């Protein structure tokens, strides 16, 4: 499949899963701050940007980010993903697999299109009442329930390109129908963008998590939690994703202990303005990345628009 980022690279993770932290270990004590450090994001060694006024976050209203106007939309990313399955199905039927449909093997998940950030506002009252927020799971039918057809070994081989020919002797495209579907959208050059804005946004998260200003805010949060009698967590992500309650689904009430921890967490985040510091720091790194990659981002937007156009044509034909 293509390498265009969705929210969990950004988006292979659900809201309740822990994001990738690149070189930053969210459970470790923050290292001694330095002015220049490796962030693991685009550009390698990055000097910490000068910050303006730190935004104060006291509600769940979105905080605008520099890359926001340039991000590929989730609706367009989903169109591309759907078109890949449609194009692969057309390829499979051309090989004689007449029972194959676009969702016989689906290459995307509904939860792939949920947007989230590392730190978002956590309401103290809601946390005390209900614990950490949980997003309802998206239930999907099994392939055989959707299509009435379970893929055979021969079909899977043709789909993924594991064999050069089907058992009936029909030649399989190099890389299988999956690769042919990709090429019908992205062309032979593949699905790489010169500068994927969503990948850059992920890079800004990694840089922000290593920034000394955010580390200081996390240290203040940790001290606040200890004052509240909660000493188990070195990082807010570790508190939210405690295995004791991280797997709780949206329909199961939170335990008293989860409510206690979540309430303290929310109050401490608010007290030290953790989300405000994070958003301000992340915005500064986004601006760095935007300035460094503006021409490539503009080129990427043109390329992505062509992919979407190809995808819409495939869906219409299929």
C-alpha atoms as a PDB file:
ATOM      1  CA  UNK A   1       0.000   0.000   0.000  1.00  0.00           C
ATOM      2  CA  UNK A   2       1.036   3.614  -0.262  1.00  0.00           C
ATOM      3  CA  UNK A   3       3.280   5.397   2.161  1.00  0.00           C
ATOM      4  CA  UNK A   4       1.119   8.501   2.471  1.00  0.00           C
ATOM      5  CA  UNK A   5       0.694   9.059   6.207  1.00  0.00           C
ATOM      6  CA  UNK A   6      -2.609   8.676   7.900  1.00  0.00           C
ATOM      7  CA  UNK A   7      -3.270   9.609  11.460  1.00  0.00           C
ATOM      8  CA  UNK A   8      -1.708   6.865  13.280  1.00  0.00           C
ATOM      9  CA  UNK A   9       1.090   6.293  11.271  1.00  0.00           C
ATOM     10  CA  UNK A  10      -0.727   8.780  12.585  1.00  0.00           C
ATOM     11  CA  UNK A  11      -3.486   6.607  12.023  1.00  0.00           C
ATOM     12  CA  UNK A  12      -2.829   3.040  12.249  1.00  0.00           C
ATOM     13  CA  UNK A  13      -3.368   3.659  15.967  1.00  0.00           C
ATOM     14  CA  UNK A  14      -6.698   4.267  17.584  1.00  0.00           C
ATOM     15  CA  UNK A  15      -7.274   7.130  19.996  1.00  0.00           C
ATOM     16  CA  UNK A  16      -6.897   4.779  22.940  1.00  0.00           C
ATOM     17  CA  UNK A  17      -3.576   3.401  21.769  1.00  0.00           C
ATOM     18  CA  UNK A  18      -0.247   4.926  22.622  1.00  0.00           C
ATOM     19  CA  UNK A  19       1.252   6.937  19.745  1.00  0.00           C
ATOM     20  CA  UNK A  20       4.711   6.243  18.396  1.00  0.00           C
ATOM     21  CA  UNK A  21       7.234   8.374  20.258  1.00  0.00           C
ATOM     22  CA  UNK A  22      10.248   8.025  17.955  1.00  0.00           C
ATOM     23  CA  UNK A  23      13.323   8.498  20.177  1.00  0.00           C
ATOM     24  CA  UNK A  24      11.324   9.561  23.249  1.00  0.00           C
ATOM     25  CA  UNK A  25      10.412   6.978  25.887  1.00  0.00           C
ATOM     26  CA  UNK A  26       7.157   8.234  27.464  1.00  0.00           C
ATOM     27  CA  UNK A  27       7.659   6.223  30.638  1.00  0.00           C
ATOM     28  CA  UNK A  28      11.212   7.380  31.321  1.00  0.00           C
ATOM     29  CA  UNK A  29      12.263  10.342  33.428  1.00  0.00           C
ATOM     30  CA  UNK A  30      13.104  13.261  31.120  1.00  0.00           C
ATOM     31  CA  UNK A  31      16.816  13.723  30.458  1.00  0.00           C
ATOM     32  CA  UNK A  32      18.715  16.879  31.281  1.00  0.00           C
ATOM     33  CA  UNK A  33      17.511  19.551  28.832  1.00  0.00           C
ATOM     34  CA  UNK A  34      19.903  20.841  26.188  1.00  0.00           C
ATOM     35  CA  UNK A  35      19.660  23.523  23.559  1.00  0.00           C
ATOM     36  CA  UNK A  36      20.534  21.175  20.719  1.00  0.00           C
ATOM     37  CA  UNK A  37      19.430  17.547  20.571  1.00  0.00           C
ATOM     38  CA  UNK A  38      18.492  14.787  18.180  1.00  0.00           C
ATOM     39  CA  UNK A  39      14.744  14.425  17.926  1.00  0.00           C
ATOM     40  CA  UNK A  40      14.501  11.537  15.511  1.00  0.00           C
ATOM     41  CA  UNK A  41      12.285  13.686  13.291  1.00  0.00           C
ATOM     42  CA  UNK A  42      13.067  15.117   9.849  1.00  0.00           C
ATOM     43  CA  UNK A  43      16.295  17.100   9.920  1.00  0.00           C
ATOM     44  CA  UNK A  44      18.196  15.198  12.633  1.00  0.00           C
ATOM     45  CA  UNK A  45      19.782  17.692  15.034  1.00  0.00           C
ATOM     46  CA  UNK A  46      17.254  20.435  15.723  1.00  0.00           C
ATOM     47  CA  UNK A  47      17.688  23.612  17.729  1.00  0.00           C
ATOM     48  CA  UNK A  48      14.781  24.332  20.020  1.00  0.00           C
ATOM     49  CA  UNK A  49      12.705  27.167  18.569  1.00  0.00           C
ATOM     50  CA  UNK A  50      11.984  30.370  20.419  1.00  0.00           C
ATOM     51  CA  UNK A  51       8.413  30.310  21.717  1.00  0.00           C
ATOM     52  CA  UNK A  52       5.969  33.171  21.768  1.00  0.00           C
ATOM     53  CA  UNK A  53       3.123  33.355  24.243  1.00  0.00           C
ATOM     54  CA  UNK A  54       2.180  29.947  25.645  1.00  0.00           C
ATOM     55  CA  UNK A  55      -1.427  29.208  24.776  1.00  0.00           C
ATOM     56  CA  UNK A  56      -3.669  28.447  27.755  1.00  0.00           C
ATOM     57  CA  UNK A  57      -5.839  25.384  27.093  1.00  0.00           C
ATOM     58  CA  UNK A  58      -8.886  25.085  29.349  1.00  0.00           C
ATOM     59  CA  UNK A  59     -11.327  23.305  27.027  1.00  0.00           C
ATOM     60  CA  UNK A  60     -11.441  20.881  24.105  1.00  0.00           C
ATOM     61  CA  UNK A  61     -11.563  23.526  21.372  1.00  0.00           C
ATOM     62  CA  UNK A  62      -8.967  22.752  18.661  1.00  0.00           C
ATOM     63  CA  UNK A  63      -5.712  24.705  18.764  1.00  0.00           C
ATOM     64  CA  UNK A  64      -4.783  25.745  15.195  1.00  0.00           C
ATOM     65  CA  UNK A  65      -1.479  24.377  13.905  1.00  0.00           C
ATOM     66  CA  UNK A  66       0.691  25.715  11.047  1.00  0.00           C
ATOM     67  CA  UNK A  67       0.381  22.530   8.990  1.00  0.00           C
ATOM     68  CA  UNK A  68      -3.422  22.334   9.329  1.00  0.00           C
ATOM     69  CA  UNK A  69      -4.163  24.048   5.974  1.00  0.00           C
ATOM     70  CA  UNK A  70      -1.794  21.663   4.199  1.00  0.00           C
ATOM     71  CA  UNK A  71      -2.901  18.311   5.635  1.00  0.00           C
ATOM     72  CA  UNK A  72      -4.390  15.785   3.269  1.00  0.00           C
ATOM     73  CA  UNK A  73      -7.982  15.210   4.321  1.00  0.00           C
ATOM     74  CA  UNK A  74      -9.033  11.954   5.940  1.00  0.00           C
ATOM     75  CA  UNK A  75     -11.991  11.737   3.573  1.00  0.00           C
ATOM     76  CA  UNK A  76      -9.641  11.829   0.565  1.00  0.00           C
ATOM     77  CA  UNK A  77      -7.292   9.295   2.166  1.00  0.00           C
ATOM     78  CA  UNK A  78     -10.268   6.994   2.676  1.00  0.00           C
ATOM     79  CA  UNK A  79     -11.287   7.424  -0.978  1.00  0.00           C
ATOM     80  CA  UNK A  80      -7.811   6.327  -2.030  1.00  0.00           C
ATOM     81  CA  UNK A  81      -7.916   3.318   0.284  1.00  0.00           C
ATOM     82  CA  UNK A  82     -11.346   2.306  -1.002  1.00  0.00           C
ATOM     83  CA  UNK A  83     -10.192   2.716  -4.604  1.00  0.00           C
ATOM     84  CA  UNK A  84      -7.242   0.414  -3.962  1.00  0.00           C
ATOM     85  CA  UNK A  85      -9.635  -2.349  -2.949  1.00  0.00           C
ATOM     86  CA  UNK A  86     -11.901  -1.664  -5.924  1.00  0.00           C
ATOM     87  CA  UNK A  87      -8.971  -1.720  -8.354  1.00  0.00           C
ATOM     88  CA  UNK A  88      -7.629  -4.927  -6.793  1.00  0.00           C
ATOM     89  CA  UNK A  89     -11.065  -6.530  -7.151  1.00  0.00           C
ATOM     90  CA  UNK A  90     -11.220  -5.582 -10.831  1.00  0.00           C
ATOM     91  CA  UNK A  91      -7.791  -7.149 -11.287  1.00  0.00           C
ATOM     92  CA  UNK A  92      -8.835 -10.330  -9.461  1.00  0.00           C
ATOM     93  CA  UNK A  93     -11.950 -10.740 -11.568  1.00  0.00           C
ATOM     94  CA  UNK A  94      -9.854 -10.298 -14.724  1.00  0.00           C
ATOM     95  CA  UNK A  95      -7.823 -13.305 -13.563  1.00  0.00           C
ATOM     96  CA  UNK A  96     -10.962 -15.396 -13.386  1.00  0.00           C
ATOM     97  CA  UNK A  97     -11.813 -15.003  -9.696  1.00  0.00           C
ATOM     98  CA  UNK A  98     -15.385 -13.934 -10.338  1.00  0.00           C
ATOM     99  CA  UNK A  99     -16.503 -14.131  -6.693  1.00  0.00           C
ATOM    100  CA  UNK A 100     -13.929 -11.574  -5.553  1.00  0.00           C
ATOM    101  CA  UNK A 101     -15.342  -8.279  -4.328  1.00  0.00           C
ATOM    102  CA  UNK A 102     -13.766  -5.066  -3.054  1.00  0.00           C
ATOM    103  CA  UNK A 103     -14.192  -6.120   0.561  1.00  0.00           C
ATOM    104  CA  UNK A 104     -13.182  -9.763   0.244  1.00  0.00           C
ATOM    105  CA  UNK A 105      -9.852  -8.654   1.698  1.00  0.00           C
ATOM    106  CA  UNK A 106     -10.138  -5.083   2.873  1.00  0.00           C
ATOM    107  CA  UNK A 107      -6.831  -3.246   3.206  1.00  0.00           C
ATOM    108  CA  UNK A 108      -8.062  -0.513   5.570  1.00  0.00           C
ATOM    109  CA  UNK A 109      -9.896  -0.265   8.898  1.00  0.00           C
ATOM    110  CA  UNK A 110     -12.610   2.213   9.907  1.00  0.00           C
ATOM    111  CA  UNK A 111     -10.553   3.262  12.922  1.00  0.00           C
ATOM    112  CA  UNK A 112      -7.688   4.299  10.631  1.00  0.00           C
ATOM    113  CA  UNK A 113      -9.409   7.629  10.037  1.00  0.00           C
ATOM    114  CA  UNK A 114      -9.732   8.808  13.641  1.00  0.00           C
ATOM    115  CA  UNK A 115      -7.675  11.897  14.324  1.00  0.00           C
ATOM    116  CA  UNK A 116      -6.005  12.454  17.679  1.00  0.00           C
ATOM    117  CA  UNK A 117      -2.952  14.033  19.235  1.00  0.00           C
ATOM    118  CA  UNK A 118      -0.511  12.944  21.924  1.00  0.00           C
ATOM    119  CA  UNK A 119      -1.985  15.375  24.461  1.00  0.00           C
ATOM    120  CA  UNK A 120      -5.563  16.629  24.334  1.00  0.00           C
ATOM    121  CA  UNK A 121      -7.593  18.470  26.937  1.00  0.00           C
ATOM    122  CA  UNK A 122      -8.846  16.157  29.687  1.00  0.00           C
ATOM    123  CA  UNK A 123     -11.863  17.570  31.497  1.00  0.00           C
ATOM    124  CA  UNK A 124     -11.449  17.187  35.287  1.00  0.00           C
ATOM    125  CA  UNK A 125     -15.165  16.690  36.018  1.00  0.00           C
ATOM    126  CA  UNK A 126     -15.645  14.169  33.218  1.00  0.00           C
ATOM    127  CA  UNK A 127     -12.511  12.324  34.315  1.00  0.00           C
ATOM    128  CA  UNK A 128     -13.737  12.144  37.908  1.00  0.00           C
ATOM    129  CA  UNK A 129     -17.156  10.920  36.769  1.00  0.00           C
ATOM    130  CA  UNK A 130     -16.181   8.530  33.972  1.00  0.00           C
ATOM    131  CA  UNK A 131     -12.417   7.981  33.928  1.00  0.00           C
ATOM    132  CA  UNK A 132     -10.410   8.361  30.749  1.00  0.00           C
ATOM    133  CA  UNK A 133     -12.343   8.922  27.501  1.00  0.00           C
ATOM    134  CA  UNK A 134     -12.970   5.832  25.430  1.00  0.00           C
ATOM    135  CA  UNK A 135     -13.989   5.833  21.780  1.00  0.00           C
ATOM    136  CA  UNK A 136     -16.554   3.161  20.855  1.00  0.00           C
ATOM    137  CA  UNK A 137     -15.034   0.356  18.820  1.00  0.00           C
ATOM    138  CA  UNK A 138     -16.050   0.180  15.177  1.00  0.00           C
ATOM    139  CA  UNK A 139     -17.572  -3.226  14.572  1.00  0.00           C
ATOM    140  CA  UNK A 140     -17.036  -4.738  11.142  1.00  0.00           C
ATOM    141  CA  UNK A 141     -18.240  -7.981   9.662  1.00  0.00           C
ATOM    142  CA  UNK A 142     -15.827 -10.798   8.872  1.00  0.00           C
ATOM    143  CA  UNK A 143     -14.952 -11.194   5.169  1.00  0.00           C
ATOM    144  CA  UNK A 144     -17.138 -14.258   4.706  1.00  0.00           C
ATOM    145  CA  UNK A 145     -20.086 -12.437   6.336  1.00  0.00           C
ATOM    146  CA  UNK A 146     -19.645  -9.445   4.009  1.00  0.00           C
ATOM    147  CA  UNK A 147     -19.175 -11.316   0.750  1.00  0.00           C
ATOM    148  CA  UNK A 148     -20.240 -14.886   1.413  1.00  0.00           C
ATOM    149  CA  UNK A 149     -16.805 -15.940   0.166  1.00  0.00           C
ATOM    150  CA  UNK A 150     -13.650 -16.938   2.018  1.00  0.00           C
ATOM    151  CA  UNK A 151     -10.543 -16.391  -0.153  1.00  0.00           C
ATOM    152  CA  UNK A 152      -8.852 -19.559  -1.391  1.00  0.00           C
ATOM    153  CA  UNK A 153      -5.095 -20.092  -1.299  1.00  0.00           C
ATOM    154  CA  UNK A 154      -4.981 -19.562  -5.067  1.00  0.00           C
ATOM    155  CA  UNK A 155      -6.832 -16.257  -4.734  1.00  0.00           C
ATOM    156  CA  UNK A 156      -4.612 -15.012  -1.930  1.00  0.00           C
ATOM    157  CA  UNK A 157      -1.548 -15.921  -3.953  1.00  0.00           C
ATOM    158  CA  UNK A 158      -2.810 -13.871  -6.890  1.00  0.00           C
ATOM    159  CA  UNK A 159      -3.915 -10.996  -4.664  1.00  0.00           C
ATOM    160  CA  UNK A 160      -0.522 -10.628  -2.957  1.00  0.00           C
ATOM    161  CA  UNK A 161       1.615 -11.755  -5.913  1.00  0.00           C
ATOM    162  CA  UNK A 162       3.058 -14.855  -4.273  1.00  0.00           C
ATOM    163  CA  UNK A 163       2.931 -16.806  -7.545  1.00  0.00           C
ATOM    164  CA  UNK A 164       3.496 -15.860 -11.178  1.00  0.00           C
ATOM    165  CA  UNK A 165       0.425 -17.761 -12.373  1.00  0.00           C
ATOM    166  CA  UNK A 166      -2.881 -18.942 -10.997  1.00  0.00           C
ATOM    167  CA  UNK A 167      -3.530 -22.662 -10.740  1.00  0.00           C
ATOM    168  CA  UNK A 168      -5.540 -22.292 -13.953  1.00  0.00           C
ATOM    169  CA  UNK A 169      -2.425 -20.963 -15.701  1.00  0.00           C
ATOM    170  CA  UNK A 170      -3.383 -17.277 -15.940  1.00  0.00           C
ATOM    171  CA  UNK A 171      -0.428 -14.895 -15.581  1.00  0.00           C
ATOM    172  CA  UNK A 172      -0.512 -12.808 -12.407  1.00  0.00           C
ATOM    173  CA  UNK A 173       0.750  -9.217 -12.587  1.00  0.00           C
ATOM    174  CA  UNK A 174       4.111  -8.665 -10.912  1.00  0.00           C
ATOM    175  CA  UNK A 175       3.428  -7.984  -7.253  1.00  0.00           C
ATOM    176  CA  UNK A 176      -0.105  -9.303  -7.561  1.00  0.00           C
ATOM    177  CA  UNK A 177      -3.351  -7.404  -7.784  1.00  0.00           C
ATOM    178  CA  UNK A 178      -2.396  -5.359  -4.730  1.00  0.00           C
ATOM    179  CA  UNK A 179       0.561  -3.829  -6.558  1.00  0.00           C
ATOM    180  CA  UNK A 180      -1.424  -3.350  -9.763  1.00  0.00           C
ATOM    181  CA  UNK A 181      -4.090  -1.515  -7.766  1.00  0.00           C
ATOM    182  CA  UNK A 182      -1.431   0.740  -6.250  1.00  0.00           C
ATOM    183  CA  UNK A 183      -0.038   1.558  -9.666  1.00  0.00           C
ATOM    184  CA  UNK A 184      -3.484   2.427 -11.008  1.00  0.00           C
ATOM    185  CA  UNK A 185      -3.663   5.195  -8.394  1.00  0.00           C
ATOM    186  CA  UNK A 186      -0.057   6.274  -7.848  1.00  0.00           C
ATOM    187  CA  UNK A 187       1.583   5.335 -11.130  1.00  0.00           C
ATOM    188  CA  UNK A 188       4.785   3.345 -11.420  1.00  0.00           C
ATOM    189  CA  UNK A 189       6.647   5.883  -9.269  1.00  0.00           C
ATOM    190  CA  UNK A 190       4.723   4.629  -6.251  1.00  0.00           C
ATOM    191  CA  UNK A 191       2.926   6.316  -3.388  1.00  0.00           C
ATOM    192  CA  UNK A 192       5.700   8.475  -1.973  1.00  0.00           C
ATOM    193  CA  UNK A 193       5.246  12.219  -1.564  1.00  0.00           C
ATOM    194  CA  UNK A 194       8.150  14.698  -1.622  1.00  0.00           C
ATOM    195  CA  UNK A 195       7.008  15.941   1.803  1.00  0.00           C
ATOM    196  CA  UNK A 196       3.879  14.331   3.232  1.00  0.00           C
ATOM    197  CA  UNK A 197       2.321  16.973   5.525  1.00  0.00           C
ATOM    198  CA  UNK A 198       0.951  14.281   7.833  1.00  0.00           C
ATOM    199  CA  UNK A 199       4.401  12.725   8.205  1.00  0.00           C
ATOM    200  CA  UNK A 200       5.767  16.169   9.010  1.00  0.00           C
ATOM    201  CA  UNK A 201       3.046  16.570  11.628  1.00  0.00           C
ATOM    202  CA  UNK A 202       4.188  13.303  13.206  1.00  0.00           C
ATOM    203  CA  UNK A 203       7.720  14.669  13.152  1.00  0.00           C
ATOM    204  CA  UNK A 204       6.560  17.759  15.030  1.00  0.00           C
ATOM    205  CA  UNK A 205       5.130  15.507  17.750  1.00  0.00           C
ATOM    206  CA  UNK A 206       8.429  13.682  18.141  1.00  0.00           C
ATOM    207  CA  UNK A 207      10.356  16.935  18.331  1.00  0.00           C
ATOM    208  CA  UNK A 208       7.915  18.428  20.810  1.00  0.00           C
ATOM    209  CA  UNK A 209       8.151  15.392  23.088  1.00  0.00           C
ATOM    210  CA  UNK A 210      11.908  15.874  23.312  1.00  0.00           C
ATOM    211  CA  UNK A 211      11.751  19.624  23.912  1.00  0.00           C
ATOM    212  CA  UNK A 212      13.074  20.903  27.255  1.00  0.00           C
ATOM    213  CA  UNK A 213      10.045  23.173  27.781  1.00  0.00           C
ATOM    214  CA  UNK A 214       7.646  20.256  27.506  1.00  0.00           C
ATOM    215  CA  UNK A 215       9.893  18.089  29.658  1.00  0.00           C
ATOM    216  CA  UNK A 216       9.725  20.749  32.354  1.00  0.00           C
ATOM    217  CA  UNK A 217       5.920  20.774  32.124  1.00  0.00           C
ATOM    218  CA  UNK A 218       5.858  16.978  32.426  1.00  0.00           C
ATOM    219  CA  UNK A 219       8.147  17.176  35.455  1.00  0.00           C
ATOM    220  CA  UNK A 220       5.729  19.673  37.026  1.00  0.00           C
ATOM    221  CA  UNK A 221       2.824  17.353  36.198  1.00  0.00           C
ATOM    222  CA  UNK A 222       4.654  14.453  37.832  1.00  0.00           C
ATOM    223  CA  UNK A 223       5.256  16.483  41.003  1.00  0.00           C
ATOM    224  CA  UNK A 224       1.578  17.450  41.076  1.00  0.00           C
ATOM    225  CA  UNK A 225       0.552  13.798  40.755  1.00  0.00           C
ATOM    226  CA  UNK A 226       2.883  12.843  43.590  1.00  0.00           C
ATOM    227  CA  UNK A 227       1.308  15.542  45.750  1.00  0.00           C
ATOM    228  CA  UNK A 228      -2.036  13.882  44.992  1.00  0.00           C
ATOM    229  CA  UNK A 229      -0.655  10.573  46.258  1.00  0.00           C
ATOM    230  CA  UNK A 230      -0.123   8.996  42.823  1.00  0.00           C
ATOM    231  CA  UNK A 231       3.485   7.987  42.278  1.00  0.00           C
ATOM    232  CA  UNK A 232       3.243   5.201  39.695  1.00  0.00           C
ATOM    233  CA  UNK A 233       3.534   7.274  36.528  1.00  0.00           C
ATOM    234  CA  UNK A 234       6.475   9.131  35.042  1.00  0.00           C
ATOM    235  CA  UNK A 235       4.502  10.415  32.050  1.00  0.00           C
ATOM    236  CA  UNK A 236       0.851  11.359  31.348  1.00  0.00           C
ATOM    237  CA  UNK A 237       0.647   8.850  28.499  1.00  0.00           C
ATOM    238  CA  UNK A 238       1.619   6.089  30.914  1.00  0.00           C
ATOM    239  CA  UNK A 239      -1.216   7.100  33.226  1.00  0.00           C
ATOM    240  CA  UNK A 240      -3.823   7.134  30.479  1.00  0.00           C
ATOM    241  CA  UNK A 241      -2.581   3.849  29.025  1.00  0.00           C
ATOM    242  CA  UNK A 242      -2.233   1.934  32.283  1.00  0.00           C
ATOM    243  CA  UNK A 243      -2.973  -1.692  31.268  1.00  0.00           C
ATOM    244  CA  UNK A 244      -5.383  -1.966  34.191  1.00  0.00           C
ATOM    245  CA  UNK A 245      -7.880   0.177  32.313  1.00  0.00           C
ATOM    246  CA  UNK A 246      -6.403   0.890  28.879  1.00  0.00           C
ATOM    247  CA  UNK A 247      -8.300  -2.044  27.357  1.00  0.00           C
ATOM    248  CA  UNK A 248     -11.632  -1.012  28.863  1.00  0.00           C
ATOM    249  CA  UNK A 249     -14.172  -0.502  26.093  1.00  0.00           C
ATOM    250  CA  UNK A 250     -16.509   2.464  25.921  1.00  0.00           C
ATOM    251  CA  UNK A 251     -19.479   0.505  27.239  1.00  0.00           C
ATOM    252  CA  UNK A 252     -17.772  -0.623  30.460  1.00  0.00           C
ATOM    253  CA  UNK A 253     -17.850   1.800  33.425  1.00  0.00           C
ATOM    254  CA  UNK A 254     -14.514   2.977  34.765  1.00  0.00           C
ATOM    255  CA  UNK A 255     -13.284   1.613  38.070  1.00  0.00           C
ATOM    256  CA  UNK A 256     -12.994   3.818  41.132  1.00  0.00           C
ATOM    257  CA  UNK A 257      -9.188   3.711  40.824  1.00  0.00           C
ATOM    258  CA  UNK A 258      -9.283   4.785  37.179  1.00  0.00           C
ATOM    259  CA  UNK A 259     -11.549   7.687  38.082  1.00  0.00           C
ATOM    260  CA  UNK A 260      -9.201   8.697  40.903  1.00  0.00           C
ATOM    261  CA  UNK A 261      -6.125   8.637  38.662  1.00  0.00           C
ATOM    262  CA  UNK A 262      -7.899  10.300  35.722  1.00  0.00           C
ATOM    263  CA  UNK A 263      -9.237  13.099  37.922  1.00  0.00           C
ATOM    264  CA  UNK A 264      -5.813  13.787  39.420  1.00  0.00           C
ATOM    265  CA  UNK A 265      -4.263  13.600  35.956  1.00  0.00           C
ATOM    266  CA  UNK A 266      -6.780  16.078  34.532  1.00  0.00           C
ATOM    267  CA  UNK A 267      -6.358  18.511  37.417  1.00  0.00           C
ATOM    268  CA  UNK A 268      -2.557  18.330  37.227  1.00  0.00           C
ATOM    269  CA  UNK A 269      -2.544  18.818  33.466  1.00  0.00           C
ATOM    270  CA  UNK A 270      -4.724  21.873  33.923  1.00  0.00           C
ATOM    271  CA  UNK A 271      -2.616  23.195  36.803  1.00  0.00           C
ATOM    272  CA  UNK A 272       0.649  23.082  34.814  1.00  0.00           C
ATOM    273  CA  UNK A 273      -1.039  23.903  31.480  1.00  0.00           C
ATOM    274  CA  UNK A 274       0.485  20.746  30.010  1.00  0.00           C
ATOM    275  CA  UNK A 275      -1.650  20.722  26.871  1.00  0.00           C
ATOM    276  CA  UNK A 276      -1.056  24.422  26.288  1.00  0.00           C
ATOM    277  CA  UNK A 277       2.708  23.999  26.544  1.00  0.00           C
ATOM    278  CA  UNK A 278       2.624  20.946  24.267  1.00  0.00           C
ATOM    279  CA  UNK A 279       0.503  22.645  21.618  1.00  0.00           C
ATOM    280  CA  UNK A 280       2.671  25.775  21.673  1.00  0.00           C
ATOM    281  CA  UNK A 281       5.898  23.790  21.398  1.00  0.00           C
ATOM    282  CA  UNK A 282       4.511  21.515  18.719  1.00  0.00           C
ATOM    283  CA  UNK A 283       3.267  24.500  16.701  1.00  0.00           C
ATOM    284  CA  UNK A 284       6.771  25.974  16.771  1.00  0.00           C
ATOM    285  CA  UNK A 285       8.244  22.760  15.374  1.00  0.00           C
ATOM    286  CA  UNK A 286       5.486  22.529  12.772  1.00  0.00           C
ATOM    287  CA  UNK A 287       6.403  26.024  11.629  1.00  0.00           C
ATOM    288  CA  UNK A 288      10.044  24.943  11.342  1.00  0.00           C
ATOM    289  CA  UNK A 289       9.070  21.958   9.226  1.00  0.00           C
ATOM    290  CA  UNK A 290       6.717  24.037   7.108  1.00  0.00           C
ATOM    291  CA  UNK A 291       9.416  26.615   6.425  1.00  0.00           C
ATOM    292  CA  UNK A 292      11.928  23.900   5.551  1.00  0.00           C
ATOM    293  CA  UNK A 293       9.581  22.004   3.226  1.00  0.00           C
ATOM    294  CA  UNK A 294       7.168  24.570   1.781  1.00  0.00           C
ATOM    295  CA  UNK A 295       8.045  23.951  -1.884  1.00  0.00           C
ATOM    296  CA  UNK A 296       7.916  20.178  -1.428  1.00  0.00           C
ATOM    297  CA  UNK A 297       4.595  20.452   0.400  1.00  0.00           C
ATOM    298  CA  UNK A 298       3.112  22.432  -2.498  1.00  0.00           C
ATOM    299  CA  UNK A 299       4.349  19.782  -4.927  1.00  0.00           C
ATOM    300  CA  UNK A 300       2.944  17.037  -2.698  1.00  0.00           C
ATOM    301  CA  UNK A 301      -0.484  18.660  -2.685  1.00  0.00           C
ATOM    302  CA  UNK A 302      -0.557  18.588  -6.496  1.00  0.00           C
ATOM    303  CA  UNK A 303       0.518  14.948  -6.572  1.00  0.00           C
ATOM    304  CA  UNK A 304      -2.011  13.965  -3.929  1.00  0.00           C
ATOM    305  CA  UNK A 305      -4.817  15.718  -5.836  1.00  0.00           C
ATOM    306  CA  UNK A 306      -3.961  13.576  -8.874  1.00  0.00           C
ATOM    307  CA  UNK A 307      -4.124  10.427  -6.724  1.00  0.00           C
ATOM    308  CA  UNK A 308      -7.563  11.403  -5.470  1.00  0.00           C
ATOM    309  CA  UNK A 309      -8.727  12.051  -9.034  1.00  0.00           C
ATOM    310  CA  UNK A 310      -7.469   8.611 -10.103  1.00  0.00           C
ATOM    311  CA  UNK A 311      -9.149   7.004  -7.103  1.00  0.00           C
ATOM    312  CA  UNK A 312     -12.509   8.601  -7.823  1.00  0.00           C
ATOM    313  CA  UNK A 313     -12.334   7.422 -11.450  1.00  0.00           C
ATOM    314  CA  UNK A 314     -11.573   3.861 -10.315  1.00  0.00           C
ATOM    315  CA  UNK A 315     -14.480   3.825  -7.867  1.00  0.00           C
ATOM    316  CA  UNK A 316     -16.802   5.135 -10.563  1.00  0.00           C
ATOM    317  CA  UNK A 317     -15.619   2.462 -13.038  1.00  0.00           C
ATOM    318  CA  UNK A 318     -15.692  -0.321 -10.471  1.00  0.00           C
END
